[in-house]
Amino acid sequence: MNKVTYFLDELILPIVILVSTRYFGVFISQYWYSITFSFNEGTDIISLPYIHFAGPAGRFTANSASWLIVGIVISLYFGLAIFRSLHFHKDYFHPKHAWYVHGKNLEFLLIDKKDVLYQSAVWITLSLLFVFLATIDVFSGTLDIFVYGLLFGIVTVAILTSLFYNMSQGALKSRKVEQKNRD
């Protein structure tokens, strides 16, 4: 499979999850705060197309709640991807544990080097895109600065953790190759 098509294949599900979470946050805020909105071709918020709010207070509240839920989902899924690459990486998985995983038919949990790289790239790309959209919302006055700070902090920690992990795995790989060449 081509690298670009594989990247796009890995990109589809996270986009669907994050966009649906964005709209789900609006529906939750409608339930909690009795915000009225309608679906129109026009939009009040660039990052929420096809939704028109009745007033600016409802728009601000719904957008802030929606971005807060998106931040939680990004942290959960990005964390799951990092956890899976740390504990279920095929190259560093102990044979005793591999036997147990295969015995329980949980092979889908195992991840190889290529999947770790592409999942990290997808989540980094999407996280940066969503922070950019949230930045636009902050400058347009439709997002609470505290929620933006939480989202920015979550994305920053997740990206740095992923980058440090990927760099350390590359360093371990190069040490393994050097050790084999010396023997």
Protein backbone atom coordinates (compact mmCIF):
# COMPACT_ATOMS: atom_id res chain seq x y z
CA MET A 1 0.00 0.00 0.00
CA ASN A 2 1.24 3.48 -0.85
CA LYS A 3 2.41 5.65 2.06
CA VAL A 4 -0.03 8.45 1.25
CA THR A 5 -3.02 6.13 0.96
CA TYR A 6 -2.03 4.37 4.18
CA PHE A 7 -1.78 7.75 5.94
CA LEU A 8 -5.22 8.72 4.59
CA ASP A 9 -6.62 5.36 5.68
CA GLU A 10 -5.35 5.96 9.21
CA LEU A 11 -6.74 9.52 9.08
CA ILE A 12 -10.40 8.75 8.31
CA LEU A 13 -11.56 7.29 11.64
CA PRO A 14 -9.91 9.96 13.86
CA ILE A 15 -11.44 12.73 11.73
CA VAL A 16 -14.89 11.16 12.03
CA ILE A 17 -14.45 10.75 15.78
CA LEU A 18 -13.29 14.32 16.38
CA VAL A 19 -15.86 15.99 14.12
CA SER A 20 -18.70 13.96 15.59
CA THR A 21 -17.40 14.80 19.08
CA ARG A 22 -17.51 18.47 18.16
CA TYR A 23 -21.19 18.27 17.21
CA PHE A 24 -21.95 15.95 20.13
CA GLY A 25 -20.59 18.66 22.44
CA VAL A 26 -23.09 21.12 20.98
CA PHE A 27 -25.95 18.68 21.57
CA ILE A 28 -24.81 18.08 25.16
CA SER A 29 -24.61 21.81 25.82
CA GLN A 30 -28.11 22.22 24.37
CA TYR A 31 -29.36 19.65 26.84
CA TRP A 32 -27.56 21.15 29.87
CA TYR A 33 -27.97 24.86 29.16
CA SER A 34 -31.16 24.97 27.02
CA ILE A 35 -29.40 26.56 24.08
CA THR A 36 -31.38 26.91 20.87
CA PHE A 37 -29.78 26.41 17.50
CA SER A 38 -30.84 25.36 14.04
CA PHE A 39 -29.22 23.74 11.06
CA ASN A 40 -28.78 26.18 8.18
CA GLU A 41 -26.44 26.62 5.28
CA GLY A 42 -24.89 29.62 6.98
CA THR A 43 -22.77 29.37 10.08
CA ASP A 44 -22.00 31.45 13.15
CA ILE A 45 -18.74 29.67 13.94
CA ILE A 46 -16.18 28.67 11.32
CA SER A 47 -15.33 25.41 13.08
CA LEU A 48 -19.01 24.39 13.35
CA PRO A 49 -20.51 24.61 9.88
CA TYR A 50 -24.26 24.38 9.29
CA ILE A 51 -25.19 25.42 12.84
CA HIS A 52 -26.83 28.77 13.54
CA PHE A 53 -27.31 29.79 17.18
CA ALA A 54 -30.15 31.95 18.47
CA GLY A 55 -27.90 34.26 20.49
CA PRO A 56 -24.25 35.06 21.21
CA ALA A 57 -24.38 33.70 24.77
CA GLY A 58 -25.57 30.31 23.54
CA ARG A 59 -22.94 30.29 20.82
CA PHE A 60 -20.17 31.03 23.33
CA THR A 61 -21.36 28.40 25.82
CA ALA A 62 -21.96 25.67 23.24
CA ASN A 63 -18.64 26.28 21.51
CA SER A 64 -16.70 26.25 24.78
CA ALA A 65 -18.40 23.05 25.97
CA SER A 66 -17.83 21.42 22.60
CA TRP A 67 -14.13 22.27 22.57
CA LEU A 68 -13.77 21.00 26.14
CA ILE A 69 -15.22 17.62 25.13
CA VAL A 70 -12.96 17.55 22.05
CA GLY A 71 -9.95 18.12 24.32
CA ILE A 72 -10.97 15.20 26.50
CA VAL A 73 -11.43 12.93 23.48
CA ILE A 74 -8.07 13.98 22.00
CA SER A 75 -6.35 13.17 25.29
CA LEU A 76 -8.07 9.78 25.53
CA TYR A 77 -7.40 8.64 21.96
CA PHE A 78 -3.91 10.11 21.77
CA GLY A 79 -3.17 8.51 25.14
CA LEU A 80 -4.52 5.18 23.93
CA ALA A 81 -2.28 5.35 20.86
CA ILE A 82 0.77 6.14 23.01
CA PHE A 83 -0.12 3.44 25.56
CA ARG A 84 -0.60 0.88 22.81
CA SER A 85 2.73 1.77 21.21
CA LEU A 86 4.49 1.55 24.58
CA HIS A 87 3.04 -1.72 25.82
CA PHE A 88 1.95 -3.63 22.71
CA HIS A 89 4.76 -2.87 20.25
CA LYS A 90 5.61 -6.04 18.32
CA ASP A 91 9.36 -5.41 18.31
CA TYR A 92 9.61 -5.09 22.11
CA PHE A 93 6.90 -7.49 23.19
CA HIS A 94 8.11 -10.34 25.40
CA PRO A 95 7.47 -13.82 23.90
CA LYS A 96 5.77 -14.98 27.10
CA HIS A 97 3.26 -12.13 26.83
CA ALA A 98 2.87 -12.73 23.09
CA TRP A 99 1.89 -16.32 23.80
CA TYR A 100 -0.72 -15.11 26.29
CA VAL A 101 -2.12 -12.51 23.87
CA HIS A 102 -2.35 -15.04 21.04
CA GLY A 103 -4.01 -17.54 23.35
CA LYS A 104 -6.73 -15.00 24.21
CA ASN A 105 -7.19 -13.95 20.53
CA LEU A 106 -6.14 -10.38 21.27
CA GLU A 107 -3.68 -10.03 18.37
CA PHE A 108 -5.45 -6.87 17.23
CA LEU A 109 -3.86 -5.06 20.16
CA LEU A 110 -0.34 -5.65 18.84
CA ILE A 111 1.10 -2.82 16.79
CA ASP A 112 4.11 -2.67 14.51
CA LYS A 113 6.58 0.12 13.83
CA LYS A 114 4.79 1.43 10.74
CA ASP A 115 1.44 1.71 12.53
CA VAL A 116 3.04 3.57 15.45
CA LEU A 117 4.59 6.08 13.08
CA TYR A 118 1.42 6.68 11.07
CA GLN A 119 -0.88 6.87 14.11
CA SER A 120 1.45 9.38 15.74
CA ALA A 121 1.59 11.44 12.55
CA VAL A 122 -2.21 11.37 12.21
CA TRP A 123 -2.89 12.42 15.79
CA ILE A 124 -0.23 15.14 15.68
CA THR A 125 -1.67 16.51 12.43
CA LEU A 126 -5.26 16.45 13.65
CA SER A 127 -4.37 17.91 17.04
CA LEU A 128 -2.55 20.82 15.42
CA LEU A 129 -5.46 21.37 13.02
CA PHE A 130 -7.97 21.45 15.86
CA VAL A 131 -5.79 23.82 17.91
CA PHE A 132 -5.64 26.09 14.85
CA LEU A 133 -9.45 26.03 14.58
CA ALA A 134 -9.76 26.73 18.31
CA THR A 135 -7.34 29.64 17.92
CA ILE A 136 -9.60 31.12 15.25
CA ASP A 137 -12.55 30.71 17.62
CA VAL A 138 -10.66 32.49 20.42
CA PHE A 139 -9.82 35.45 18.18
CA SER A 140 -13.41 35.64 16.95
CA GLY A 141 -14.64 35.76 20.57
CA THR A 142 -16.64 32.52 20.54
CA LEU A 143 -14.39 30.42 22.80
CA ASP A 144 -13.46 30.80 26.44
CA ILE A 145 -9.73 31.39 26.91
CA PHE A 146 -9.61 28.88 29.80
CA VAL A 147 -11.01 26.11 27.60
CA TYR A 148 -8.54 27.08 24.88
CA GLY A 149 -5.70 26.88 27.39
CA LEU A 150 -6.81 23.41 28.47
CA LEU A 151 -7.06 22.24 24.86
CA PHE A 152 -3.68 23.74 24.02
CA GLY A 153 -2.08 22.14 27.08
CA ILE A 154 -3.55 18.72 26.35
CA VAL A 155 -2.39 18.83 22.75
CA THR A 156 1.07 20.07 23.70
CA VAL A 157 1.61 17.32 26.29
CA ALA A 158 0.31 14.64 23.91
CA ILE A 159 2.50 15.79 21.01
CA LEU A 160 5.64 16.09 23.13
CA THR A 161 5.05 12.68 24.71
CA SER A 162 4.58 11.12 21.29
CA LEU A 163 7.65 12.83 19.82
CA PHE A 164 9.86 11.88 22.75
CA TYR A 165 8.64 8.29 22.59
CA ASN A 166 9.25 8.05 18.85
CA MET A 167 12.70 9.60 19.19
CA SER A 168 13.63 7.21 22.01
CA GLN A 169 12.48 4.22 19.97
CA GLY A 170 14.63 5.40 17.08
CA ALA A 171 17.58 5.73 19.45
CA LEU A 172 16.99 2.23 20.83
CA LYS A 173 16.79 0.85 17.31
CA SER A 174 20.09 2.45 16.33
CA ARG A 175 21.73 1.04 19.47
CA LYS A 176 20.45 -2.43 18.59
CA VAL A 177 21.89 -2.14 15.09
CA GLU A 178 25.22 -0.89 16.44
CA GLN A 179 25.32 -3.76 18.95
CA LYS A 180 24.67 -6.33 16.20
CA ASN A 181 27.38 -4.79 14.00
CA ARG A 182 29.93 -5.03 16.83
CA ASP A 183 29.21 -8.74 17.43
